[in-house]
PDB file of N, CA and C in Angstrom:
ATOM      1  N   MET A   1       0.852  -1.145   0.000  1.00  0.00           N
ATOM      2  CA  MET A   1       0.000   0.000   0.000  1.00  0.00           C
ATOM      3  C   MET A   1       0.909   1.222   0.000  1.00  0.00           C
ATOM      4  N   THR A   2       0.573   2.193  -0.749  1.00  0.00           N
ATOM      5  CA  THR A   2       1.349   3.421  -0.823  1.00  0.00           C
ATOM      6  C   THR A   2       0.436   4.593  -0.551  1.00  0.00           C
ATOM      7  N   ILE A   3       0.854   5.482   0.307  1.00  0.00           N
ATOM      8  CA  ILE A   3       0.099   6.697   0.626  1.00  0.00           C
ATOM      9  C   ILE A   3       0.916   7.873   0.105  1.00  0.00           C
ATOM     10  N   GLU A   4       0.287   8.667  -0.714  1.00  0.00           N
ATOM     11  CA  GLU A   4       1.000   9.814  -1.255  1.00  0.00           C
ATOM     12  C   GLU A   4       0.395  11.091  -0.725  1.00  0.00           C
ATOM     13  N   ARG A   5       1.246  11.953  -0.280  1.00  0.00           N
ATOM     14  CA  ARG A   5       0.862  13.288   0.164  1.00  0.00           C
ATOM     15  C   ARG A   5       1.861  14.244  -0.475  1.00  0.00           C
ATOM     16  N   PRO A   6       1.543  15.488  -0.458  1.00  0.00           N
ATOM     17  CA  PRO A   6       2.503  16.421  -1.071  1.00  0.00           C
ATOM     18  C   PRO A   6       3.855  16.331  -0.358  1.00  0.00           C
ATOM     19  N   PHE A   7       4.897  16.129  -1.076  1.00  0.00           N
ATOM     20  CA  PHE A   7       6.281  16.059  -0.643  1.00  0.00           C
ATOM     21  C   PHE A   7       6.617  14.819   0.192  1.00  0.00           C
ATOM     22  N   VAL A   8       5.662  13.916   0.450  1.00  0.00           N
ATOM     23  CA  VAL A   8       5.941  12.738   1.255  1.00  0.00           C
ATOM     24  C   VAL A   8       5.323  11.528   0.578  1.00  0.00           C
ATOM     25  N   THR A   9       6.106  10.488   0.469  1.00  0.00           N
ATOM     26  CA  THR A   9       5.584   9.221  -0.019  1.00  0.00           C
ATOM     27  C   THR A   9       5.933   8.166   1.021  1.00  0.00           C
ATOM     28  N   VAL A  10       4.927   7.496   1.530  1.00  0.00           N
ATOM     29  CA  VAL A  10       5.118   6.490   2.563  1.00  0.00           C
ATOM     30  C   VAL A  10       4.613   5.172   2.030  1.00  0.00           C
ATOM     31  N   ARG A  11       5.413   4.141   2.199  1.00  0.00           N
ATOM     32  CA  ARG A  11       4.993   2.806   1.783  1.00  0.00           C
ATOM     33  C   ARG A  11       4.817   1.954   3.035  1.00  0.00           C
ATOM     34  N   LEU A  12       3.650   1.424   3.234  1.00  0.00           N
ATOM     35  CA  LEU A  12       3.343   0.576   4.380  1.00  0.00           C
ATOM     36  C   LEU A  12       3.345  -0.874   3.918  1.00  0.00           C
ATOM     37  N   GLU A  13       4.059  -1.695   4.645  1.00  0.00           N
ATOM     38  CA  GLU A  13       4.102  -3.120   4.328  1.00  0.00           C
ATOM     39  C   GLU A  13       3.597  -3.910   5.523  1.00  0.00           C
ATOM     40  N   GLN A  14       3.011  -5.026   5.197  1.00  0.00           N
ATOM     41  CA  GLN A  14       2.572  -5.893   6.278  1.00  0.00           C
ATOM     42  C   GLN A  14       3.805  -6.509   6.913  1.00  0.00           C
ATOM     43  N   MET A  15       3.888  -6.413   8.239  1.00  0.00           N
ATOM     44  CA  MET A  15       5.085  -6.844   8.941  1.00  0.00           C
ATOM     45  C   MET A  15       5.190  -8.366   9.012  1.00  0.00           C
ATOM     46  N   TYR A  16       4.086  -9.042   9.178  1.00  0.00           N
ATOM     47  CA  TYR A  16       4.084 -10.497   9.316  1.00  0.00           C
ATOM     48  C   TYR A  16       3.100 -11.085   8.317  1.00  0.00           C
ATOM     49  N   ALA A  17       3.402 -12.264   7.882  1.00  0.00           N
ATOM     50  CA  ALA A  17       2.538 -12.927   6.914  1.00  0.00           C
ATOM     51  C   ALA A  17       1.425 -13.707   7.583  1.00  0.00           C
ATOM     52  N   THR A  18       1.243 -13.524   8.882  1.00  0.00           N
ATOM     53  CA  THR A  18       0.250 -14.322   9.595  1.00  0.00           C
ATOM     54  C   THR A  18      -1.122 -13.680   9.612  1.00  0.00           C
ATOM     55  N   GLY A  19      -1.241 -12.494   9.166  1.00  0.00           N
ATOM     56  CA  GLY A  19      -2.552 -11.856   9.144  1.00  0.00           C
ATOM     57  C   GLY A  19      -2.628 -10.718  10.142  1.00  0.00           C
ATOM     58  N   TYR A  20      -3.651  -9.954  10.044  1.00  0.00           N
ATOM     59  CA  TYR A  20      -3.832  -8.782  10.876  1.00  0.00           C
ATOM     60  C   TYR A  20      -4.247  -9.175  12.291  1.00  0.00           C
ATOM     61  N   GLY A  21      -3.585  -8.600  13.300  1.00  0.00           N
ATOM     62  CA  GLY A  21      -3.996  -8.810  14.675  1.00  0.00           C
ATOM     63  C   GLY A  21      -3.433 -10.055  15.337  1.00  0.00           C
ATOM     64  N   THR A  22      -2.571 -10.783  14.678  1.00  0.00           N
ATOM     65  CA  THR A  22      -1.989 -11.966  15.313  1.00  0.00           C
ATOM     66  C   THR A  22      -0.506 -11.746  15.527  1.00  0.00           C
ATOM     67  N   HIS A  23       0.035 -12.471  16.437  1.00  0.00           N
ATOM     68  CA  HIS A  23       1.462 -12.392  16.742  1.00  0.00           C
ATOM     69  C   HIS A  23       2.098 -13.684  16.271  1.00  0.00           C
ATOM     70  N   PRO A  24       3.214 -13.613  15.537  1.00  0.00           N
ATOM     71  CA  PRO A  24       3.777 -14.827  14.945  1.00  0.00           C
ATOM     72  C   PRO A  24       4.368 -15.808  15.957  1.00  0.00           C
ATOM     73  N   LEU A  25       4.705 -15.346  17.155  1.00  0.00           N
ATOM     74  CA  LEU A  25       5.330 -16.239  18.120  1.00  0.00           C
ATOM     75  C   LEU A  25       4.338 -16.852  19.098  1.00  0.00           C
ATOM     76  N   ARG A  26       3.114 -16.451  19.028  1.00  0.00           N
ATOM     77  CA  ARG A  26       2.100 -16.982  19.943  1.00  0.00           C
ATOM     78  C   ARG A  26       1.176 -17.926  19.196  1.00  0.00           C
ATOM     79  N   SER A  27       0.884 -19.022  19.852  1.00  0.00           N
ATOM     80  CA  SER A  27      -0.092 -19.923  19.247  1.00  0.00           C
ATOM     81  C   SER A  27      -1.471 -19.525  19.735  1.00  0.00           C
ATOM     82  N   GLY A  28      -2.464 -20.045  19.128  1.00  0.00           N
ATOM     83  CA  GLY A  28      -3.823 -19.716  19.515  1.00  0.00           C
ATOM     84  C   GLY A  28      -4.270 -20.445  20.775  1.00  0.00           C
ATOM     85  N   ARG A  29      -3.476 -21.437  21.242  1.00  0.00           N
ATOM     86  CA  ARG A  29      -3.848 -22.218  22.425  1.00  0.00           C
ATOM     87  C   ARG A  29      -3.554 -21.437  23.683  1.00  0.00           C
ATOM     88  N   ARG A  30      -4.384 -21.623  24.663  1.00  0.00           N
ATOM     89  CA  ARG A  30      -4.177 -21.011  25.975  1.00  0.00           C
ATOM     90  C   ARG A  30      -4.031 -22.121  27.012  1.00  0.00           C
ATOM     91  N   ILE A  31      -3.210 -21.863  28.035  1.00  0.00           N
ATOM     92  CA  ILE A  31      -3.074 -22.819  29.124  1.00  0.00           C
ATOM     93  C   ILE A  31      -4.264 -22.633  30.055  1.00  0.00           C
ATOM     94  N   LEU A  32      -4.896 -23.723  30.407  1.00  0.00           N
ATOM     95  CA  LEU A  32      -6.029 -23.653  31.312  1.00  0.00           C
ATOM     96  C   LEU A  32      -5.567 -23.236  32.697  1.00  0.00           C
ATOM     97  N   PRO A  33      -6.427 -22.598  33.513  1.00  0.00           N
ATOM     98  CA  PRO A  33      -6.021 -22.190  34.858  1.00  0.00           C
ATOM     99  C   PRO A  33      -5.462 -23.339  35.687  1.00  0.00           C
ATOM    100  N   ALA A  34      -6.041 -24.537  35.583  1.00  0.00           N
ATOM    101  CA  ALA A  34      -5.520 -25.681  36.336  1.00  0.00           C
ATOM    102  C   ALA A  34      -4.137 -26.067  35.827  1.00  0.00           C
ATOM    103  N   GLY A  35      -3.942 -25.977  34.531  1.00  0.00           N
ATOM    104  CA  GLY A  35      -2.641 -26.262  33.947  1.00  0.00           C
ATOM    105  C   GLY A  35      -1.595 -25.258  34.398  1.00  0.00           C
ATOM    106  N   ARG A  36      -1.998 -24.006  34.526  1.00  0.00           N
ATOM    107  CA  ARG A  36      -1.092 -22.975  35.027  1.00  0.00           C
ATOM    108  C   ARG A  36      -0.697 -23.257  36.463  1.00  0.00           C
ATOM    109  N   ALA A  37      -1.645 -23.675  37.271  1.00  0.00           N
ATOM    110  CA  ALA A  37      -1.357 -23.973  38.674  1.00  0.00           C
ATOM    111  C   ALA A  37      -0.363 -25.121  38.784  1.00  0.00           C
ATOM    112  N   VAL A  38      -0.535 -26.140  37.971  1.00  0.00           N
ATOM    113  CA  VAL A  38       0.390 -27.272  37.981  1.00  0.00           C
ATOM    114  C   VAL A  38       1.772 -26.822  37.511  1.00  0.00           C
ATOM    115  N   LEU A  39       1.807 -25.973  36.490  1.00  0.00           N
ATOM    116  CA  LEU A  39       3.078 -25.468  35.979  1.00  0.00           C
ATOM    117  C   LEU A  39       3.806 -24.640  37.035  1.00  0.00           C
ATOM    118  N   VAL A  40       3.077 -23.780  37.731  1.00  0.00           N
ATOM    119  CA  VAL A  40       3.678 -22.970  38.791  1.00  0.00           C
ATOM    120  C   VAL A  40       4.152 -23.857  39.938  1.00  0.00           C
ATOM    121  N   LEU A  41       3.373 -24.869  40.290  1.00  0.00           N
ATOM    122  CA  LEU A  41       3.756 -25.790  41.351  1.00  0.00           C
ATOM    123  C   LEU A  41       5.033 -26.554  40.996  1.00  0.00           C
ATOM    124  N   LEU A  42       5.121 -27.045  39.772  1.00  0.00           N
ATOM    125  CA  LEU A  42       6.323 -27.759  39.341  1.00  0.00           C
ATOM    126  C   LEU A  42       7.544 -26.840  39.315  1.00  0.00           C
ATOM    127  N   LEU A  43       7.350 -25.612  38.891  1.00  0.00           N
ATOM    128  CA  LEU A  43       8.447 -24.654  38.881  1.00  0.00           C
ATOM    129  C   LEU A  43       8.914 -24.356  40.305  1.00  0.00           C
ATOM    130  N   ALA A  44       7.974 -24.157  41.227  1.00  0.00           N
ATOM    131  CA  ALA A  44       8.328 -23.898  42.624  1.00  0.00           C
ATOM    132  C   ALA A  44       9.051 -25.103  43.232  1.00  0.00           C
ATOM    133  N   LEU A  45       8.621 -26.303  42.906  1.00  0.00           N
ATOM    134  CA  LEU A  45       9.266 -27.516  43.397  1.00  0.00           C
ATOM    135  C   LEU A  45      10.695 -27.621  42.874  1.00  0.00           C
ATOM    136  N   ALA A  46      10.902 -27.324  41.604  1.00  0.00           N
ATOM    137  CA  ALA A  46      12.243 -27.382  41.021  1.00  0.00           C
ATOM    138  C   ALA A  46      13.173 -26.360  41.666  1.00  0.00           C
ATOM    139  N   VAL A  47      12.670 -25.156  41.896  1.00  0.00           N
ATOM    140  CA  VAL A  47      13.483 -24.116  42.537  1.00  0.00           C
ATOM    141  C   VAL A  47      13.811 -24.519  43.970  1.00  0.00           C
ATOM    142  N   SER A  48      12.839 -25.060  44.694  1.00  0.00           N
ATOM    143  CA  SER A  48      13.076 -25.496  46.073  1.00  0.00           C
ATOM    144  C   SER A  48      14.132 -26.591  46.134  1.00  0.00           C
ATOM    145  N   LEU A  49      14.047 -27.533  45.231  1.00  0.00           N
ATOM    146  CA  LEU A  49      15.024 -28.619  45.198  1.00  0.00           C
ATOM    147  C   LEU A  49      16.417 -28.081  44.892  1.00  0.00           C
ATOM    148  N   ALA A  50      16.506 -27.169  43.952  1.00  0.00           N
ATOM    149  CA  ALA A  50      17.809 -26.588  43.607  1.00  0.00           C
ATOM    150  C   ALA A  50      18.402 -25.826  44.783  1.00  0.00           C
ATOM    151  N   LEU A  51      17.576 -25.081  45.502  1.00  0.00           N
ATOM    152  CA  LEU A  51      18.053 -24.341  46.663  1.00  0.00           C
ATOM    153  C   LEU A  51      18.481 -25.284  47.790  1.00  0.00           C
ATOM    154  N   ALA A  52      17.757 -26.375  47.983  1.00  0.00           N
ATOM    155  CA  ALA A  52      18.121 -27.337  49.025  1.00  0.00           C
ATOM    156  C   ALA A  52      19.461 -27.992  48.720  1.00  0.00           C
ATOM    157  N   VAL A  53      19.668 -28.354  47.472  1.00  0.00           N
ATOM    158  CA  VAL A  53      20.946 -28.962  47.086  1.00  0.00           C
ATOM    159  C   VAL A  53      22.084 -27.963  47.266  1.00  0.00           C
ATOM    160  N   ALA A  54      21.838 -26.714  46.885  1.00  0.00           N
ATOM    161  CA  ALA A  54      22.871 -25.687  47.037  1.00  0.00           C
ATOM    162  C   ALA A  54      23.171 -25.415  48.506  1.00  0.00           C
ATOM    163  N   ALA A  55      22.149 -25.424  49.351  1.00  0.00           N
ATOM    164  CA  ALA A  55      22.345 -25.144  50.774  1.00  0.00           C
ATOM    165  C   ALA A  55      23.143 -26.251  51.459  1.00  0.00           C
ATOM    166  N   HIS A  56      22.971 -27.473  51.007  1.00  0.00           N
ATOM    167  CA  HIS A  56      23.676 -28.593  51.626  1.00  0.00           C
ATOM    168  C   HIS A  56      24.987 -28.927  50.921  1.00  0.00           C
ATOM    169  N   GLY A  57      25.379 -28.106  49.990  1.00  0.00           N
ATOM    170  CA  GLY A  57      26.652 -28.322  49.314  1.00  0.00           C
ATOM    171  C   GLY A  57      26.596 -29.361  48.214  1.00  0.00           C
ATOM    172  N   GLY A  58      25.479 -30.021  48.055  1.00  0.00           N
ATOM    173  CA  GLY A  58      25.319 -30.978  46.980  1.00  0.00           C
ATOM    174  C   GLY A  58      26.035 -32.306  47.178  1.00  0.00           C
ATOM    175  N   THR A  59      26.777 -32.460  48.247  1.00  0.00           N
ATOM    176  CA  THR A  59      27.481 -33.718  48.484  1.00  0.00           C
ATOM    177  C   THR A  59      27.170 -34.217  49.882  1.00  0.00           C
ATOM    178  N   ALA A  60      27.446 -35.471  50.103  1.00  0.00           N
ATOM    179  CA  ALA A  60      27.226 -36.058  51.424  1.00  0.00           C
ATOM    180  C   ALA A  60      28.260 -35.488  52.402  1.00  0.00           C
ATOM    181  N   PRO A  61      27.896 -35.343  53.663  1.00  0.00           N
ATOM    182  CA  PRO A  61      28.854 -34.822  54.624  1.00  0.00           C
ATOM    183  C   PRO A  61      30.050 -35.767  54.774  1.00  0.00           C
ATOM    184  N   VAL A  62      31.195 -35.194  55.090  1.00  0.00           N
ATOM    185  CA  VAL A  62      32.424 -35.963  55.240  1.00  0.00           C
ATOM    186  C   VAL A  62      32.618 -36.285  56.718  1.00  0.00           C
ATOM    187  N   TYR A  63      32.886 -37.554  57.021  1.00  0.00           N
ATOM    188  CA  TYR A  63      33.090 -38.006  58.392  1.00  0.00           C
ATOM    189  C   TYR A  63      34.430 -38.713  58.512  1.00  0.00           C
ATOM    190  N   ARG A  64      34.989 -38.601  59.680  1.00  0.00           N
ATOM    191  CA  ARG A  64      36.120 -39.451  60.062  1.00  0.00           C
ATOM    192  C   ARG A  64      35.546 -40.471  61.031  1.00  0.00           C
ATOM    193  N   THR A  65      36.223 -41.579  61.203  1.00  0.00           N
ATOM    194  CA  THR A  65      35.739 -42.585  62.152  1.00  0.00           C
ATOM    195  C   THR A  65      36.771 -42.806  63.246  1.00  0.00           C
ATOM    196  N   VAL A  66      36.246 -43.140  64.411  1.00  0.00           N
ATOM    197  CA  VAL A  66      37.078 -43.443  65.576  1.00  0.00           C
ATOM    198  C   VAL A  66      36.480 -44.667  66.247  1.00  0.00           C
ATOM    199  N   VAL A  67      37.336 -45.594  66.645  1.00  0.00           N
ATOM    200  CA  VAL A  67      36.880 -46.754  67.406  1.00  0.00           C
ATOM    201  C   VAL A  67      37.094 -46.438  68.887  1.00  0.00           C
ATOM    202  N   VAL A  68      36.027 -46.600  69.671  1.00  0.00           N
ATOM    203  CA  VAL A  68      36.070 -46.273  71.094  1.00  0.00           C
ATOM    204  C   VAL A  68      36.993 -47.252  71.820  1.00  0.00           C
ATOM    205  N   GLN A  69      37.927 -46.699  72.570  1.00  0.00           N
ATOM    206  CA  GLN A  69      38.902 -47.483  73.345  1.00  0.00           C
ATOM    207  C   GLN A  69      38.487 -47.476  74.826  1.00  0.00           C
ATOM    208  N   PRO A  70      38.987 -48.410  75.632  1.00  0.00           N
ATOM    209  CA  PRO A  70      38.664 -48.403  77.059  1.00  0.00           C
ATOM    210  C   PRO A  70      39.064 -47.064  77.696  1.00  0.00           C
ATOM    211  N   GLY A  71      38.171 -46.499  78.470  1.00  0.00           N
ATOM    212  CA  GLY A  71      38.407 -45.229  79.142  1.00  0.00           C
ATOM    213  C   GLY A  71      37.987 -44.002  78.333  1.00  0.00           C
ATOM    214  N   ASP A  72      37.615 -44.192  77.051  1.00  0.00           N
ATOM    215  CA  ASP A  72      37.176 -43.060  76.229  1.00  0.00           C
ATOM    216  C   ASP A  72      35.782 -42.604  76.631  1.00  0.00           C
ATOM    217  N   THR A  73      35.554 -41.308  76.540  1.00  0.00           N
ATOM    218  CA  THR A  73      34.224 -40.715  76.698  1.00  0.00           C
ATOM    219  C   THR A  73      34.016 -39.810  75.496  1.00  0.00           C
ATOM    220  N   LEU A  74      32.786 -39.415  75.275  1.00  0.00           N
ATOM    221  CA  LEU A  74      32.541 -38.472  74.182  1.00  0.00           C
ATOM    222  C   LEU A  74      33.326 -37.185  74.410  1.00  0.00           C
ATOM    223  N   TRP A  75      33.405 -36.769  75.665  1.00  0.00           N
ATOM    224  CA  TRP A  75      34.125 -35.544  76.004  1.00  0.00           C
ATOM    225  C   TRP A  75      35.606 -35.679  75.639  1.00  0.00           C
ATOM    226  N   SER A  76      36.235 -36.795  76.014  1.00  0.00           N
ATOM    227  CA  SER A  76      37.666 -36.964  75.728  1.00  0.00           C
ATOM    228  C   SER A  76      37.921 -37.082  74.226  1.00  0.00           C
ATOM    229  N   ILE A  77      37.023 -37.765  73.518  1.00  0.00           N
ATOM    230  CA  ILE A  77      37.177 -37.893  72.066  1.00  0.00           C
ATOM    231  C   ILE A  77      37.037 -36.532  71.400  1.00  0.00           C
ATOM    232  N   ALA A  78      36.024 -35.752  71.815  1.00  0.00           N
ATOM    233  CA  ALA A  78      35.816 -34.426  71.230  1.00  0.00           C
ATOM    234  C   ALA A  78      36.991 -33.505  71.535  1.00  0.00           C
ATOM    235  N   ALA A  79      37.496 -33.548  72.764  1.00  0.00           N
ATOM    236  CA  ALA A  79      38.629 -32.694  73.139  1.00  0.00           C
ATOM    237  C   ALA A  79      39.888 -33.073  72.366  1.00  0.00           C
ATOM    238  N   GLU A  80      40.087 -34.367  72.126  1.00  0.00           N
ATOM    239  CA  GLU A  80      41.286 -34.820  71.410  1.00  0.00           C
ATOM    240  C   GLU A  80      41.198 -34.537  69.913  1.00  0.00           C
ATOM    241  N   GLN A  81      40.028 -34.774  69.334  1.00  0.00           N
ATOM    242  CA  GLN A  81      39.873 -34.633  67.885  1.00  0.00           C
ATOM    243  C   GLN A  81      39.695 -33.184  67.436  1.00  0.00           C
ATOM    244  N   TYR A  82      39.131 -32.342  68.312  1.00  0.00           N
ATOM    245  CA  TYR A  82      38.865 -30.943  67.974  1.00  0.00           C
ATOM    246  C   TYR A  82      39.450 -30.037  69.061  1.00  0.00           C
ATOM    247  N   PRO A  83      40.768 -29.932  69.168  1.00  0.00           N
ATOM    248  CA  PRO A  83      41.371 -29.206  70.286  1.00  0.00           C
ATOM    249  C   PRO A  83      41.069 -27.702  70.302  1.00  0.00           C
ATOM    250  N   SER A  84      40.803 -27.094  69.166  1.00  0.00           N
ATOM    251  CA  SER A  84      40.578 -25.650  69.151  1.00  0.00           C
ATOM    252  C   SER A  84      39.092 -25.276  69.158  1.00  0.00           C
ATOM    253  N   ASP A  85      38.201 -26.264  69.184  1.00  0.00           N
ATOM    254  CA  ASP A  85      36.760 -26.001  69.155  1.00  0.00           C
ATOM    255  C   ASP A  85      36.164 -26.101  70.549  1.00  0.00           C
ATOM    256  N   ASP A  86      34.917 -25.636  70.677  1.00  0.00           N
ATOM    257  CA  ASP A  86      34.163 -25.772  71.915  1.00  0.00           C
ATOM    258  C   ASP A  86      33.807 -27.252  72.088  1.00  0.00           C
ATOM    259  N   THR A  87      34.301 -27.856  73.137  1.00  0.00           N
ATOM    260  CA  THR A  87      34.114 -29.299  73.347  1.00  0.00           C
ATOM    261  C   THR A  87      32.646 -29.657  73.517  1.00  0.00           C
ATOM    262  N   ARG A  88      31.881 -28.796  74.210  1.00  0.00           N
ATOM    263  CA  ARG A  88      30.446 -29.084  74.405  1.00  0.00           C
ATOM    264  C   ARG A  88      29.719 -29.183  73.075  1.00  0.00           C
ATOM    265  N   ALA A  89      30.002 -28.244  72.172  1.00  0.00           N
ATOM    266  CA  ALA A  89      29.341 -28.260  70.865  1.00  0.00           C
ATOM    267  C   ALA A  89      29.750 -29.492  70.062  1.00  0.00           C
ATOM    268  N   ARG A  90      31.009 -29.875  70.155  1.00  0.00           N
ATOM    269  CA  ARG A  90      31.480 -31.040  69.414  1.00  0.00           C
ATOM    270  C   ARG A  90      30.918 -32.340  69.968  1.00  0.00           C
ATOM    271  N   VAL A  91      30.698 -32.431  71.262  1.00  0.00           N
ATOM    272  CA  VAL A  91      30.048 -33.611  71.847  1.00  0.00           C
ATOM    273  C   VAL A  91      28.641 -33.740  71.275  1.00  0.00           C
ATOM    274  N   GLN A  92      27.923 -32.630  71.184  1.00  0.00           N
ATOM    275  CA  GLN A  92      26.573 -32.655  70.609  1.00  0.00           C
ATOM    276  C   GLN A  92      26.615 -33.047  69.139  1.00  0.00           C
ATOM    277  N   ASP A  93      27.622 -32.540  68.405  1.00  0.00           N
ATOM    278  CA  ASP A  93      27.759 -32.909  66.990  1.00  0.00           C
ATOM    279  C   ASP A  93      27.993 -34.411  66.830  1.00  0.00           C
ATOM    280  N   ILE A  94      28.843 -34.976  67.679  1.00  0.00           N
ATOM    281  CA  ILE A  94      29.130 -36.417  67.614  1.00  0.00           C
ATOM    282  C   ILE A  94      27.878 -37.216  67.957  1.00  0.00           C
ATOM    283  N   GLU A  95      27.148 -36.778  68.990  1.00  0.00           N
ATOM    284  CA  GLU A  95      25.903 -37.476  69.355  1.00  0.00           C
ATOM    285  C   GLU A  95      24.911 -37.460  68.203  1.00  0.00           C
ATOM    286  N   SER A  96      24.717 -36.314  67.575  1.00  0.00           N
ATOM    287  CA  SER A  96      23.723 -36.239  66.488  1.00  0.00           C
ATOM    288  C   SER A  96      24.200 -36.981  65.237  1.00  0.00           C
ATOM    289  N   ALA A  97      25.516 -36.971  64.960  1.00  0.00           N
ATOM    290  CA  ALA A  97      26.034 -37.682  63.785  1.00  0.00           C
ATOM    291  C   ALA A  97      25.884 -39.195  63.916  1.00  0.00           C
ATOM    292  N   ASN A  98      25.862 -39.671  65.156  1.00  0.00           N
ATOM    293  CA  ASN A  98      25.776 -41.118  65.390  1.00  0.00           C
ATOM    294  C   ASN A  98      24.411 -41.564  65.892  1.00  0.00           C
ATOM    295  N   GLY A  99      23.489 -40.634  66.030  1.00  0.00           N
ATOM    296  CA  GLY A  99      22.144 -40.980  66.493  1.00  0.00           C
ATOM    297  C   GLY A  99      22.115 -41.424  67.936  1.00  0.00           C
ATOM    298  N   LEU A 100      23.007 -40.874  68.746  1.00  0.00           N
ATOM    299  CA  LEU A 100      23.061 -41.251  70.161  1.00  0.00           C
ATOM    300  C   LEU A 100      22.045 -40.435  70.952  1.00  0.00           C
ATOM    301  N   GLY A 101      21.428 -41.075  71.930  1.00  0.00           N
ATOM    302  CA  GLY A 101      20.462 -40.392  72.788  1.00  0.00           C
ATOM    303  C   GLY A 101      21.110 -39.758  74.006  1.00  0.00           C
ATOM    304  N   GLY A 102      22.388 -39.971  74.182  1.00  0.00           N
ATOM    305  CA  GLY A 102      23.108 -39.443  75.328  1.00  0.00           C
ATOM    306  C   GLY A 102      24.581 -39.740  75.186  1.00  0.00           C
ATOM    307  N   PRO A 103      25.343 -39.489  76.232  1.00  0.00           N
ATOM    308  CA  PRO A 103      26.800 -39.622  76.135  1.00  0.00           C
ATOM    309  C   PRO A 103      27.335 -41.034  76.359  1.00  0.00           C
ATOM    310  N   ILE A 104      26.475 -42.026  76.422  1.00  0.00           N
ATOM    311  CA  ILE A 104      26.936 -43.387  76.710  1.00  0.00           C
ATOM    312  C   ILE A 104      27.438 -44.048  75.438  1.00  0.00           C
ATOM    313  N   ILE A 105      28.686 -44.515  75.464  1.00  0.00           N
ATOM    314  CA  ILE A 105      29.290 -45.226  74.341  1.00  0.00           C
ATOM    315  C   ILE A 105      29.917 -46.512  74.856  1.00  0.00           C
ATOM    316  N   GLN A 106      30.150 -47.459  73.949  1.00  0.00           N
ATOM    317  CA  GLN A 106      30.681 -48.779  74.306  1.00  0.00           C
ATOM    318  C   GLN A 106      32.068 -48.966  73.702  1.00  0.00           C
ATOM    319  N   VAL A 107      32.927 -49.675  74.402  1.00  0.00           N
ATOM    320  CA  VAL A 107      34.262 -50.010  73.892  1.00  0.00           C
ATOM    321  C   VAL A 107      34.096 -50.821  72.608  1.00  0.00           C
ATOM    322  N   GLY A 108      34.857 -50.458  71.574  1.00  0.00           N
ATOM    323  CA  GLY A 108      34.786 -51.152  70.288  1.00  0.00           C
ATOM    324  C   GLY A 108      33.790 -50.530  69.321  1.00  0.00           C
ATOM    325  N   GLU A 109      32.975 -49.644  69.806  1.00  0.00           N
ATOM    326  CA  GLU A 109      31.978 -48.983  68.963  1.00  0.00           C
ATOM    327  C   GLU A 109      32.694 -48.013  67.998  1.00  0.00           C
ATOM    328  N   THR A 110      32.228 -47.974  66.764  1.00  0.00           N
ATOM    329  CA  THR A 110      32.790 -47.034  65.782  1.00  0.00           C
ATOM    330  C   THR A 110      31.917 -45.797  65.735  1.00  0.00           C
ATOM    331  N   LEU A 111      32.546 -44.646  65.943  1.00  0.00           N
ATOM    332  CA  LEU A 111      31.835 -43.362  65.920  1.00  0.00           C
ATOM    333  C   LEU A 111      32.227 -42.561  64.698  1.00  0.00           C
ATOM    334  N   HIS A 112      31.253 -41.919  64.092  1.00  0.00           N
ATOM    335  CA  HIS A 112      31.496 -41.007  62.975  1.00  0.00           C
ATOM    336  C   HIS A 112      31.707 -39.621  63.562  1.00  0.00           C
ATOM    337  N   LEU A 113      32.810 -38.984  63.194  1.00  0.00           N
ATOM    338  CA  LEU A 113      33.115 -37.645  63.657  1.00  0.00           C
ATOM    339  C   LEU A 113      32.950 -36.668  62.496  1.00  0.00           C
ATOM    340  N   PRO A 114      32.083 -35.664  62.644  1.00  0.00           N
ATOM    341  CA  PRO A 114      31.928 -34.673  61.574  1.00  0.00           C
ATOM    342  C   PRO A 114      33.251 -33.954  61.318  1.00  0.00           C
ATOM    343  N   ALA A 115      33.552 -33.736  60.063  1.00  0.00           N
ATOM    344  CA  ALA A 115      34.813 -33.071  59.689  1.00  0.00           C
ATOM    345  C   ALA A 115      34.739 -31.583  59.965  1.00  0.00           C
TER     346      ALA A 115
END
């Protein structure tokens, strides 16, 4: 189409071959509201999983092992293995790493020590 005016000639071309009022990158289909909810839920789940993996470092925790010897206590093991740390906190870490309900340990028992 060409529009002529005095001193100006403008040529208008159709930008897309898809017709008037349509966008070439959009399909005519719409996502149903329930489908949108499922899509948002799956996206939120994926983001949550990614954040959880990132927060935990993505790898299994590293442990050292110690075999309990006669006369050992959690306190003595924590003090020996972590000399510069707070012994009380390390005793709690050892208890939780091994699923212990208290400070009672047995000779010959293998304990996992958090690194």
